[in-house]
Structure formats: structure tokens, C-alpha cells
């Protein structure tokens, strides 16, 4: 027997009829419609609230506070000296060039680009960034490169 799209139906017993609550005592789900009796949860519009634990001290208040958040913190897009090896000799390394090579994420989320001194560098590069660590500056200049600080806007 070949079946067509309009003849397709699920096998017998695969589908169950929807539970019709609040449709009289004969349904087995009449009167309170499966919501129990009285109280906040039986009322319409009830929605459990985050952090409420029904009289118990909420977790947020039981756990002690720790540390603090510095609202004046400066977030830097960090690049290490070892990551600059992808550039060829005498190349100009700018924040835009670093972005093209996917070495830094979206720059508008950061204060600027900071070069740190992790790793080694062998090629002479002209590196322009918003900030440099002392170690990074020394390593770039030792390799014959030049460091230029871009003023922040």
C-alpha cells in the first residue's frame, strides 16, 4: 500500500488527547483543575519570584558578600610580544592590524591595546599601541624595533 502525504497519520497509540482541565467532575480534573486548593499558587497570574524561598532566608542573603567591583577599572585588549611573530620584518603593528589578524577582539569595548612582555620576539617591528609594559618595550627595542604610544581619546 503506497501512502501519500495527505494520508499520513501517526501510528495508533502514539498521540494522546489533551487534558481538558476545569470541565466538570466527570473529567477527573474539574473544580480546582489540578491546582490544589486556595492559596497564592491557585490564583490566576501567579508566577514564582526569583530569590523567594517561602520564609526561609534566601540564598542571596545567606551567602556573605566578598570583594568589590572597581567602577573606574580600565579594560585593555592585551597582546603579548610572542603574538607579534605573525608580522614580517619592519612591518607597522597598529591596533587595526592586530584586529585584522584577530589578535584583539572588538576594540570599542576596551580602553585600548596594551602590549605585554610574555614570550620572545626576533623581528624588528614598529609597534603602535595605547600602552606598553616595561618588559615588552625592552624586548621590542632589543630586537631592533621601535615603540610608539598612541594617545588615548
C-alpha atoms as a PDB file:
ATOM      1  CA  UNK A   1       0.000   0.000   0.000  1.00  0.00           C
ATOM      2  CA  UNK A   2       1.546   3.306  -1.020  1.00  0.00           C
ATOM      3  CA  UNK A   3       0.869   6.267   1.258  1.00  0.00           C
ATOM      4  CA  UNK A   4       0.531   9.821   0.088  1.00  0.00           C
ATOM      5  CA  UNK A   5       1.331  12.934   2.123  1.00  0.00           C
ATOM      6  CA  UNK A   6      -2.354  13.646   2.759  1.00  0.00           C
ATOM      7  CA  UNK A   7      -2.866  10.106   4.092  1.00  0.00           C
ATOM      8  CA  UNK A   8      -0.034  10.218   6.669  1.00  0.00           C
ATOM      9  CA  UNK A   9      -1.038   9.933  10.324  1.00  0.00           C
ATOM     10  CA  UNK A  10       0.800   8.868  13.467  1.00  0.00           C
ATOM     11  CA  UNK A  11       0.572   5.183  14.482  1.00  0.00           C
ATOM     12  CA  UNK A  12      -2.287   4.186  16.781  1.00  0.00           C
ATOM     13  CA  UNK A  13      -1.474   4.963  20.423  1.00  0.00           C
ATOM     14  CA  UNK A  14       1.297   7.459  19.610  1.00  0.00           C
ATOM     15  CA  UNK A  15      -0.876  10.507  20.270  1.00  0.00           C
ATOM     16  CA  UNK A  16      -2.829  11.227  23.438  1.00  0.00           C
ATOM     17  CA  UNK A  17      -5.833  13.543  23.753  1.00  0.00           C
ATOM     18  CA  UNK A  18      -5.198  16.867  25.503  1.00  0.00           C
ATOM     19  CA  UNK A  19      -6.114  17.028  29.200  1.00  0.00           C
ATOM     20  CA  UNK A  20      -9.137  19.322  29.413  1.00  0.00           C
ATOM     21  CA  UNK A  21      -8.977  20.753  32.926  1.00  0.00           C
ATOM     22  CA  UNK A  22     -11.806  22.570  34.669  1.00  0.00           C
ATOM     23  CA  UNK A  23     -14.525  20.888  32.575  1.00  0.00           C
ATOM     24  CA  UNK A  24     -16.653  19.319  35.301  1.00  0.00           C
ATOM     25  CA  UNK A  25     -16.353  16.437  37.753  1.00  0.00           C
ATOM     26  CA  UNK A  26     -16.650  13.765  35.048  1.00  0.00           C
ATOM     27  CA  UNK A  27     -13.293  14.750  33.580  1.00  0.00           C
ATOM     28  CA  UNK A  28     -11.445  13.980  36.811  1.00  0.00           C
ATOM     29  CA  UNK A  29      -9.885  17.448  36.576  1.00  0.00           C
ATOM     30  CA  UNK A  30     -12.887  19.583  37.465  1.00  0.00           C
ATOM     31  CA  UNK A  31     -13.442  22.099  40.288  1.00  0.00           C
ATOM     32  CA  UNK A  32      -9.849  23.269  41.046  1.00  0.00           C
ATOM     33  CA  UNK A  33      -8.466  21.997  37.717  1.00  0.00           C
ATOM     34  CA  UNK A  34      -5.432  20.281  39.249  1.00  0.00           C
ATOM     35  CA  UNK A  35      -4.197  23.389  41.075  1.00  0.00           C
ATOM     36  CA  UNK A  36      -4.901  22.207  44.600  1.00  0.00           C
ATOM     37  CA  UNK A  37      -6.990  24.359  46.904  1.00  0.00           C
ATOM     38  CA  UNK A  38      -6.737  28.009  47.817  1.00  0.00           C
ATOM     39  CA  UNK A  39      -3.512  29.927  48.350  1.00  0.00           C
ATOM     40  CA  UNK A  40      -1.378  32.123  46.117  1.00  0.00           C
ATOM     41  CA  UNK A  41      -0.471  29.372  43.688  1.00  0.00           C
ATOM     42  CA  UNK A  42      -4.084  28.583  42.849  1.00  0.00           C
ATOM     43  CA  UNK A  43      -4.831  32.171  41.806  1.00  0.00           C
ATOM     44  CA  UNK A  44      -4.571  33.437  38.254  1.00  0.00           C
ATOM     45  CA  UNK A  45      -1.443  35.428  37.418  1.00  0.00           C
ATOM     46  CA  UNK A  46       0.702  33.539  39.934  1.00  0.00           C
ATOM     47  CA  UNK A  47       4.362  33.378  38.969  1.00  0.00           C
ATOM     48  CA  UNK A  48       7.161  32.151  41.202  1.00  0.00           C
ATOM     49  CA  UNK A  49       9.526  35.024  42.062  1.00  0.00           C
ATOM     50  CA  UNK A  50      13.301  34.705  41.819  1.00  0.00           C
ATOM     51  CA  UNK A  51      15.015  34.507  45.179  1.00  0.00           C
ATOM     52  CA  UNK A  52      11.843  33.893  47.198  1.00  0.00           C
ATOM     53  CA  UNK A  53      12.117  30.758  49.326  1.00  0.00           C
ATOM     54  CA  UNK A  54       8.869  30.839  51.283  1.00  0.00           C
ATOM     55  CA  UNK A  55      10.018  32.129  54.666  1.00  0.00           C
ATOM     56  CA  UNK A  56      13.490  30.586  54.555  1.00  0.00           C
ATOM     57  CA  UNK A  57      16.342  33.090  54.403  1.00  0.00           C
ATOM     58  CA  UNK A  58      17.092  33.457  50.653  1.00  0.00           C
ATOM     59  CA  UNK A  59      20.414  32.143  49.346  1.00  0.00           C
ATOM     60  CA  UNK A  60      21.475  35.630  48.241  1.00  0.00           C
ATOM     61  CA  UNK A  61      21.211  36.816  51.858  1.00  0.00           C
ATOM     62  CA  UNK A  62      22.713  33.665  53.412  1.00  0.00           C
ATOM     63  CA  UNK A  63      25.968  33.860  51.433  1.00  0.00           C
ATOM     64  CA  UNK A  64      28.383  36.577  52.620  1.00  0.00           C
ATOM     65  CA  UNK A  65      29.489  39.450  50.411  1.00  0.00           C
ATOM     66  CA  UNK A  66      33.072  39.327  49.160  1.00  0.00           C
ATOM     67  CA  UNK A  67      35.382  41.717  47.352  1.00  0.00           C
ATOM     68  CA  UNK A  68      34.306  44.768  45.423  1.00  0.00           C
ATOM     69  CA  UNK A  69      33.999  45.987  41.844  1.00  0.00           C
ATOM     70  CA  UNK A  70      36.188  48.908  40.832  1.00  0.00           C
ATOM     71  CA  UNK A  71      33.962  51.046  38.594  1.00  0.00           C
ATOM     72  CA  UNK A  72      36.998  53.032  37.394  1.00  0.00           C
ATOM     73  CA  UNK A  73      38.841  49.925  36.139  1.00  0.00           C
ATOM     74  CA  UNK A  74      40.440  50.227  32.714  1.00  0.00           C
ATOM     75  CA  UNK A  75      39.932  47.228  30.429  1.00  0.00           C
ATOM     76  CA  UNK A  76      42.734  46.613  27.946  1.00  0.00           C
ATOM     77  CA  UNK A  77      42.826  44.429  24.861  1.00  0.00           C
ATOM     78  CA  UNK A  78      46.028  42.550  25.727  1.00  0.00           C
ATOM     79  CA  UNK A  79      48.590  41.294  23.192  1.00  0.00           C
ATOM     80  CA  UNK A  80      51.799  39.546  24.184  1.00  0.00           C
ATOM     81  CA  UNK A  81      55.148  40.069  22.466  1.00  0.00           C
ATOM     82  CA  UNK A  82      55.139  36.413  21.299  1.00  0.00           C
ATOM     83  CA  UNK A  83      51.927  37.092  19.328  1.00  0.00           C
ATOM     84  CA  UNK A  84      53.693  39.737  17.210  1.00  0.00           C
ATOM     85  CA  UNK A  85      55.710  36.995  15.443  1.00  0.00           C
ATOM     86  CA  UNK A  86      52.992  36.796  12.755  1.00  0.00           C
ATOM     87  CA  UNK A  87      54.143  40.150  11.346  1.00  0.00           C
ATOM     88  CA  UNK A  88      57.003  40.361   8.835  1.00  0.00           C
ATOM     89  CA  UNK A  89      60.228  42.378   9.333  1.00  0.00           C
ATOM     90  CA  UNK A  90      59.825  46.176   9.536  1.00  0.00           C
ATOM     91  CA  UNK A  91      56.010  45.886   9.481  1.00  0.00           C
ATOM     92  CA  UNK A  92      53.868  48.509  11.221  1.00  0.00           C
ATOM     93  CA  UNK A  93      51.818  46.951  14.001  1.00  0.00           C
ATOM     94  CA  UNK A  94      48.741  49.061  14.771  1.00  0.00           C
ATOM     95  CA  UNK A  95      45.526  48.252  16.661  1.00  0.00           C
ATOM     96  CA  UNK A  96      43.760  47.927  13.294  1.00  0.00           C
ATOM     97  CA  UNK A  97      46.405  45.479  12.013  1.00  0.00           C
ATOM     98  CA  UNK A  98      46.059  43.449  15.213  1.00  0.00           C
ATOM     99  CA  UNK A  99      42.278  43.395  14.730  1.00  0.00           C
ATOM    100  CA  UNK A 100      42.662  42.167  11.125  1.00  0.00           C
ATOM    101  CA  UNK A 101      44.887  39.299  12.316  1.00  0.00           C
ATOM    102  CA  UNK A 102      42.290  38.538  15.067  1.00  0.00           C
ATOM    103  CA  UNK A 103      44.807  39.118  17.856  1.00  0.00           C
ATOM    104  CA  UNK A 104      42.471  41.552  19.619  1.00  0.00           C
ATOM    105  CA  UNK A 105      38.664  41.494  19.879  1.00  0.00           C
ATOM    106  CA  UNK A 106      36.330  44.400  19.103  1.00  0.00           C
ATOM    107  CA  UNK A 107      38.282  47.495  20.153  1.00  0.00           C
ATOM    108  CA  UNK A 108      35.281  49.644  21.079  1.00  0.00           C
ATOM    109  CA  UNK A 109      34.814  47.506  24.219  1.00  0.00           C
ATOM    110  CA  UNK A 110      38.289  48.364  25.532  1.00  0.00           C
ATOM    111  CA  UNK A 111      40.312  51.343  26.714  1.00  0.00           C
ATOM    112  CA  UNK A 112      42.898  50.495  24.084  1.00  0.00           C
ATOM    113  CA  UNK A 113      45.570  47.948  23.175  1.00  0.00           C
ATOM    114  CA  UNK A 114      48.293  47.101  25.686  1.00  0.00           C
ATOM    115  CA  UNK A 115      51.395  45.121  24.702  1.00  0.00           C
ATOM    116  CA  UNK A 116      52.761  42.813  27.409  1.00  0.00           C
ATOM    117  CA  UNK A 117      56.191  41.166  27.550  1.00  0.00           C
ATOM    118  CA  UNK A 118      55.351  37.430  27.574  1.00  0.00           C
ATOM    119  CA  UNK A 119      57.497  35.477  25.099  1.00  0.00           C
ATOM    120  CA  UNK A 120      60.305  36.422  22.728  1.00  0.00           C
ATOM    121  CA  UNK A 121      60.497  38.478  19.559  1.00  0.00           C
ATOM    122  CA  UNK A 122      63.180  38.213  16.892  1.00  0.00           C
ATOM    123  CA  UNK A 123      61.937  40.558  14.144  1.00  0.00           C
ATOM    124  CA  UNK A 124      62.285  44.337  14.150  1.00  0.00           C
ATOM    125  CA  UNK A 125      58.814  45.886  14.158  1.00  0.00           C
ATOM    126  CA  UNK A 126      57.301  49.343  14.532  1.00  0.00           C
ATOM    127  CA  UNK A 127      54.647  48.788  17.196  1.00  0.00           C
ATOM    128  CA  UNK A 128      51.972  51.412  17.817  1.00  0.00           C
ATOM    129  CA  UNK A 129      49.701  50.808  20.820  1.00  0.00           C
ATOM    130  CA  UNK A 130      47.998  52.693  23.643  1.00  0.00           C
ATOM    131  CA  UNK A 131      50.191  51.206  26.387  1.00  0.00           C
ATOM    132  CA  UNK A 132      53.276  49.008  26.856  1.00  0.00           C
ATOM    133  CA  UNK A 133      54.683  47.135  29.801  1.00  0.00           C
ATOM    134  CA  UNK A 134      58.334  47.847  30.610  1.00  0.00           C
ATOM    135  CA  UNK A 135      59.324  44.285  29.613  1.00  0.00           C
ATOM    136  CA  UNK A 136      57.533  44.495  26.256  1.00  0.00           C
ATOM    137  CA  UNK A 137      59.127  47.846  25.461  1.00  0.00           C
ATOM    138  CA  UNK A 138      62.601  46.463  26.250  1.00  0.00           C
ATOM    139  CA  UNK A 139      62.111  43.289  24.158  1.00  0.00           C
ATOM    140  CA  UNK A 140      60.803  45.168  21.094  1.00  0.00           C
ATOM    141  CA  UNK A 141      63.684  47.683  21.207  1.00  0.00           C
ATOM    142  CA  UNK A 142      66.261  44.925  21.800  1.00  0.00           C
ATOM    143  CA  UNK A 143      65.038  43.182  18.620  1.00  0.00           C
ATOM    144  CA  UNK A 144      65.734  46.415  16.704  1.00  0.00           C
ATOM    145  CA  UNK A 145      62.142  47.597  16.628  1.00  0.00           C
ATOM    146  CA  UNK A 146      60.502  50.843  17.659  1.00  0.00           C
ATOM    147  CA  UNK A 147      57.714  51.583  20.152  1.00  0.00           C
ATOM    148  CA  UNK A 148      55.193  54.383  19.643  1.00  0.00           C
ATOM    149  CA  UNK A 149      52.491  55.217  22.196  1.00  0.00           C
ATOM    150  CA  UNK A 150      49.140  56.250  20.720  1.00  0.00           C
ATOM    151  CA  UNK A 151      47.438  58.896  22.874  1.00  0.00           C
ATOM    152  CA  UNK A 152      44.040  57.779  24.158  1.00  0.00           C
ATOM    153  CA  UNK A 153      40.981  59.715  23.075  1.00  0.00           C
END
